[in-house]
Amino acid sequence: MQTKVEICGVNTSQLTVIPAAEMDKLLRCASDGDSAARETLIRGNLRLVLSVIQRFGGRGESVDDLFQVGCIGLIKAIDNFNCDLNVRFSTYAVPMIIGEIRRYLRDNSTIRVSRSMRDIAYKALQAKEAFVRENQREPTIVELAKILDMKKEDIALALDAIVEPISLFEPVFSDGGDTVCVMDQVGDHKNTDEQWLEQIALREAIDSLNKREQRIVHMRFFEGRTQMEVAEEIHISQNKRIPCYTDEVRFLRSLSAKRGTYEVTYYIAWTLL
């Protein structure tokens, strides 16, 4: 038995569903300007809207509002559907409904993102997709900056701005009534702005190295290779093995904008002596 849900004065438990055999005929009639067929399609696909808005539950948004926005997406799908493409209507309509709801949530977010920031993020995402298709890997922020001819800091801020925030009290795990929330998993790190700037300085320092030197850093600190493995990979003899630091990762990460290029280069040079 279906649960009765009231949305905008509509008894959703009594909504009808259009049989597949009639769907194509109604879509073609609506495409030809038949307003009655269009109305039938709208009423016969409201369940599709209901199924989509369930994905957006728990965000504090009015279900009525989401339903109305979803119906706008449904109407756009009906008006723009091409019957000659041999595609199921639901396959075409669902992304349209989701897109309309996401635009609504974005534009009505309490955290406002400027249009220019959204444009930068959109261009960065497009460039990222094109890069992945061509190179079969994710681009770095530096590579995106070169492609778009923008500052990497601007791209990073724009991409971060469009990430949808979640509540600190949103549960991530529950076992026997003991719930773990997002805030329980977030560490209290100090000087985050300073760390972020140091990461940029470190990246710039690494970018200044030649390919062989970058390979050493990548193998040692990003791939987790041992000193012996790195030495064998780049053909360093036993008496020229990479020196041992008590905490190499901390040493490399502690580089600042003032010291970055010189000390990273010095470290690499020392490994080759």
Protein backbone atom coordinates (compact mmCIF):
# COMPACT_ATOMS: atom_id res chain seq x y z
CA MET A 1 0.00 0.00 0.00
CA GLN A 2 1.38 3.38 -0.95
CA THR A 3 1.74 6.13 1.62
CA LYS A 4 -0.41 9.18 1.13
CA VAL A 5 1.75 12.27 0.80
CA GLU A 6 0.38 15.77 0.36
CA ILE A 7 2.52 18.02 -1.83
CA CYS A 8 1.07 21.27 -3.06
CA GLY A 9 -2.45 19.93 -2.57
CA VAL A 10 -1.76 16.79 -4.64
CA ASN A 11 -2.56 13.34 -3.28
CA THR A 12 0.57 11.58 -4.51
CA SER A 13 -0.73 8.13 -3.59
CA GLN A 14 -3.30 8.46 -6.38
CA LEU A 15 -1.03 9.72 -9.15
CA THR A 16 -1.36 7.81 -12.39
CA VAL A 17 1.41 6.32 -14.49
CA ILE A 18 1.30 6.36 -18.28
CA PRO A 19 1.70 2.90 -19.86
CA ALA A 20 4.78 2.55 -22.05
CA ALA A 21 2.61 1.80 -25.08
CA GLU A 22 0.92 5.21 -24.82
CA MET A 23 4.01 7.24 -23.91
CA ASP A 24 5.47 7.50 -27.41
CA LYS A 25 2.14 8.49 -28.95
CA LEU A 26 1.55 11.21 -26.35
CA LEU A 27 5.09 12.55 -26.75
CA ARG A 28 4.66 12.84 -30.51
CA CYS A 29 1.30 14.56 -30.11
CA ALA A 30 2.74 17.00 -27.58
CA SER A 31 5.64 17.68 -29.94
CA ASP A 32 3.09 18.61 -32.60
CA GLY A 33 1.46 21.16 -30.30
CA ASP A 34 -1.29 19.07 -28.68
CA SER A 35 -1.79 20.82 -25.32
CA ALA A 36 -4.05 18.04 -23.99
CA ALA A 37 -1.34 15.44 -24.64
CA ARG A 38 1.20 17.72 -22.95
CA GLU A 39 -1.01 18.04 -19.87
CA THR A 40 -1.47 14.26 -19.75
CA LEU A 41 2.29 13.75 -19.94
CA ILE A 42 2.88 16.18 -17.08
CA ARG A 43 0.31 14.54 -14.81
CA GLY A 44 1.44 11.05 -15.82
CA ASN A 45 5.08 11.66 -14.90
CA LEU A 46 4.74 13.35 -11.53
CA ARG A 47 5.84 10.13 -9.85
CA LEU A 48 9.12 10.52 -11.71
CA VAL A 49 9.57 13.91 -10.05
CA LEU A 50 8.80 12.41 -6.65
CA SER A 51 11.44 9.72 -7.12
CA VAL A 52 14.04 12.36 -8.01
CA ILE A 53 13.38 14.74 -5.09
CA GLN A 54 13.92 11.87 -2.65
CA ARG A 55 17.62 12.13 -3.52
CA PHE A 56 17.65 15.65 -2.12
CA GLY A 57 16.09 14.86 1.23
CA GLY A 58 17.69 15.91 4.49
CA ARG A 59 18.90 19.28 3.22
CA GLY A 60 16.39 21.37 5.10
CA GLU A 61 14.60 22.39 1.92
CA SER A 62 10.83 22.45 1.58
CA VAL A 63 9.59 19.30 -0.14
CA ASP A 64 6.85 21.38 -1.75
CA ASP A 65 9.42 23.75 -3.24
CA LEU A 66 11.58 20.91 -4.54
CA PHE A 67 8.52 19.27 -6.08
CA GLN A 68 7.50 22.45 -7.89
CA VAL A 69 11.04 23.00 -9.18
CA GLY A 70 11.21 19.37 -10.26
CA CYS A 71 7.96 19.82 -12.19
CA ILE A 72 9.57 22.71 -14.07
CA GLY A 73 12.36 20.36 -15.09
CA LEU A 74 9.78 17.77 -16.16
CA ILE A 75 7.94 20.31 -18.33
CA LYS A 76 11.20 21.37 -19.97
CA ALA A 77 11.96 17.72 -20.69
CA ILE A 78 8.54 17.21 -22.31
CA ASP A 79 8.87 20.36 -24.42
CA ASN A 80 12.38 19.53 -25.62
CA PHE A 81 12.21 15.75 -26.02
CA ASN A 82 13.07 14.40 -29.48
CA CYS A 83 10.99 11.32 -30.25
CA ASP A 84 13.31 10.30 -33.10
CA LEU A 85 16.32 9.66 -30.86
CA ASN A 86 15.06 6.24 -29.73
CA VAL A 87 15.68 7.07 -26.05
CA ARG A 88 13.34 6.37 -23.16
CA PHE A 89 11.68 9.54 -21.92
CA SER A 90 12.65 8.88 -18.30
CA THR A 91 16.32 8.57 -19.34
CA TYR A 92 16.12 12.08 -20.78
CA ALA A 93 13.84 13.60 -18.13
CA VAL A 94 15.66 12.58 -14.94
CA PRO A 95 18.85 14.60 -15.66
CA MET A 96 16.67 17.58 -16.63
CA ILE A 97 14.78 17.38 -13.33
CA ILE A 98 17.98 16.93 -11.31
CA GLY A 99 19.62 19.86 -13.08
CA GLU A 100 16.67 22.14 -12.37
CA ILE A 101 16.71 21.22 -8.68
CA ARG A 102 20.46 21.69 -8.40
CA ARG A 103 20.21 25.14 -9.97
CA TYR A 104 17.50 26.03 -7.48
CA LEU A 105 19.58 24.82 -4.54
CA ARG A 106 22.64 26.66 -5.81
CA ASP A 107 20.84 29.95 -6.42
CA ASN A 108 19.04 29.80 -3.07
CA SER A 109 22.01 28.70 -1.00
CA THR A 110 22.70 30.71 2.14
CA ILE A 111 26.33 30.79 1.03
CA ARG A 112 26.33 32.97 -2.06
CA VAL A 113 28.88 32.33 -4.77
CA SER A 114 29.51 35.17 -7.20
CA ARG A 115 28.76 34.73 -10.88
CA SER A 116 32.39 35.31 -11.81
CA MET A 117 33.49 32.62 -9.34
CA ARG A 118 30.98 30.15 -10.78
CA ASP A 119 32.17 30.96 -14.31
CA ILE A 120 35.77 30.21 -13.36
CA ALA A 121 34.75 26.94 -11.72
CA TYR A 122 32.66 25.97 -14.77
CA LYS A 123 35.58 26.62 -17.13
CA ALA A 124 37.92 24.68 -14.85
CA LEU A 125 35.58 21.68 -14.77
CA GLN A 126 35.26 21.73 -18.56
CA ALA A 127 39.03 21.94 -18.94
CA LYS A 128 39.44 19.11 -16.45
CA GLU A 129 37.07 16.82 -18.38
CA ALA A 130 38.85 17.56 -21.66
CA PHE A 131 42.25 16.92 -20.05
CA VAL A 132 41.12 13.58 -18.60
CA ARG A 133 39.77 12.44 -21.97
CA GLU A 134 43.04 13.29 -23.67
CA ASN A 135 45.55 12.21 -21.01
CA GLN A 136 43.66 9.55 -19.04
CA ARG A 137 44.51 11.24 -15.72
CA GLU A 138 43.42 14.13 -13.54
CA PRO A 139 45.15 17.46 -14.22
CA THR A 140 47.00 19.31 -11.48
CA ILE A 141 45.92 22.78 -10.47
CA VAL A 142 49.05 24.13 -12.18
CA GLU A 143 48.11 22.44 -15.45
CA LEU A 144 44.58 23.84 -15.26
CA ALA A 145 46.01 27.30 -14.63
CA LYS A 146 48.15 27.04 -17.77
CA ILE A 147 45.24 25.78 -19.87
CA LEU A 148 42.92 28.58 -18.74
CA ASP A 149 45.64 31.22 -18.45
CA MET A 150 44.51 32.02 -14.91
CA LYS A 151 46.10 32.11 -11.48
CA LYS A 152 46.03 28.73 -9.78
CA GLU A 153 44.87 30.38 -6.55
CA ASP A 154 41.77 31.77 -8.34
CA ILE A 155 40.93 28.36 -9.79
CA ALA A 156 41.38 26.61 -6.44
CA LEU A 157 39.14 29.13 -4.68
CA ALA A 158 36.45 28.87 -7.37
CA LEU A 159 36.37 25.07 -7.30
CA ASP A 160 36.24 25.10 -3.52
CA ALA A 161 33.40 27.65 -3.53
CA ILE A 162 31.03 25.48 -5.56
CA VAL A 163 31.43 22.43 -3.33
CA GLU A 164 28.11 22.00 -1.58
CA PRO A 165 28.53 22.36 2.19
CA ILE A 166 27.18 19.76 4.59
CA SER A 167 26.06 20.15 8.18
CA LEU A 168 28.58 19.38 10.92
CA PHE A 169 25.78 17.50 12.63
CA GLU A 170 25.06 15.23 9.66
CA PRO A 171 25.47 11.60 10.82
CA VAL A 172 28.12 9.53 9.06
CA PHE A 173 27.76 6.35 11.14
CA SER A 174 25.32 4.96 13.67
CA ASP A 175 25.58 1.80 15.75
CA GLY A 176 23.17 0.98 18.51
CA GLY A 177 22.10 4.55 19.05
CA ASP A 178 25.67 5.87 19.18
CA THR A 179 25.86 8.28 16.25
CA VAL A 180 29.07 9.70 14.83
CA CYS A 181 28.61 13.08 13.12
CA VAL A 182 30.76 14.93 10.62
CA MET A 183 32.04 17.26 13.36
CA ASP A 184 33.43 14.25 15.24
CA GLN A 185 35.65 13.46 12.26
CA VAL A 186 36.96 16.98 11.67
CA GLY A 187 40.33 17.78 13.19
CA ASP A 188 41.08 21.14 14.78
CA HIS A 189 44.08 22.28 12.75
CA LYS A 190 45.62 25.68 13.43
CA ASN A 191 47.11 28.07 10.91
CA THR A 192 45.27 26.49 7.98
CA ASP A 193 45.78 29.58 5.81
CA GLU A 194 49.50 29.45 6.48
CA GLN A 195 49.62 25.74 5.64
CA TRP A 196 47.73 26.39 2.40
CA LEU A 197 50.20 29.08 1.35
CA GLU A 198 53.11 26.79 2.21
CA GLN A 199 51.59 24.08 0.02
CA ILE A 200 51.48 26.51 -2.89
CA ALA A 201 55.09 27.54 -2.22
CA LEU A 202 56.13 23.90 -2.05
CA ARG A 203 54.36 23.09 -5.32
CA GLU A 204 56.08 26.00 -7.03
CA ALA A 205 59.43 24.82 -5.66
CA ILE A 206 58.87 21.29 -6.97
CA ASP A 207 57.77 22.64 -10.35
CA SER A 208 61.11 24.43 -10.63
CA LEU A 209 62.99 21.12 -10.50
CA ASN A 210 63.95 19.15 -13.58
CA LYS A 211 62.14 15.93 -14.53
CA ARG A 212 64.62 13.62 -12.79
CA GLU A 213 64.53 15.61 -9.58
CA GLN A 214 60.73 15.73 -9.62
CA ARG A 215 60.70 11.98 -10.10
CA ILE A 216 62.82 11.51 -6.96
CA VAL A 217 60.46 13.66 -4.88
CA HIS A 218 57.38 11.91 -6.30
CA MET A 219 58.72 8.40 -5.65
CA ARG A 220 59.94 9.21 -2.14
CA PHE A 221 57.07 11.25 -0.77
CA PHE A 222 54.02 10.50 -2.94
CA GLU A 223 54.58 6.84 -3.86
CA GLY A 224 56.09 5.91 -0.50
CA ARG A 225 59.18 4.26 -2.01
CA THR A 226 62.07 3.39 0.28
CA GLN A 227 65.46 5.03 -0.13
CA MET A 228 66.86 1.82 -1.61
CA GLU A 229 63.99 1.54 -4.12
CA VAL A 230 64.50 5.12 -5.25
CA ALA A 231 68.25 4.59 -5.54
CA GLU A 232 67.73 1.49 -7.69
CA GLU A 233 65.08 3.17 -9.84
CA ILE A 234 67.28 6.13 -10.77
CA HIS A 235 70.49 4.06 -10.80
CA ILE A 236 72.29 5.62 -7.86
CA SER A 237 75.19 3.46 -6.61
CA GLN A 238 75.41 2.22 -3.02
CA ASN A 239 77.91 4.88 -1.96
CA LYS A 240 75.64 7.60 -3.34
CA ARG A 241 72.44 6.43 -1.70
CA ILE A 242 69.92 9.02 -0.56
CA PRO A 243 70.81 10.22 2.98
CA CYS A 244 68.47 9.39 5.81
CA TYR A 245 66.41 12.13 7.45
CA THR A 246 64.68 11.45 10.74
CA ASP A 247 61.53 12.93 9.30
CA GLU A 248 61.87 13.58 5.58
CA VAL A 249 58.20 14.31 5.01
CA ARG A 250 58.16 17.00 7.69
CA PHE A 251 61.37 18.44 6.29
CA LEU A 252 59.95 18.80 2.80
CA ARG A 253 56.56 20.11 3.91
CA SER A 254 58.10 22.73 6.20
CA LEU A 255 59.51 24.66 3.26
CA SER A 256 58.13 28.16 3.00
CA ALA A 257 57.92 30.65 0.17
CA LYS A 258 61.19 32.23 1.33
CA ARG A 259 63.15 28.99 1.39
CA GLY A 260 61.25 26.73 -0.98
CA THR A 261 63.17 26.56 -4.26
CA TYR A 262 66.63 26.70 -2.71
CA GLU A 263 66.12 24.03 -0.06
CA VAL A 264 64.22 21.60 -2.27
CA THR A 265 66.96 21.89 -4.88
CA TYR A 266 69.59 21.49 -2.15
CA TYR A 267 67.84 18.35 -0.89
CA ILE A 268 67.72 16.79 -4.34
CA ALA A 269 71.33 17.74 -5.01
CA TRP A 270 72.41 16.11 -1.77
CA THR A 271 70.73 12.84 -2.76
CA LEU A 272 72.82 12.74 -5.92
CA LEU A 273 76.18 13.41 -4.27
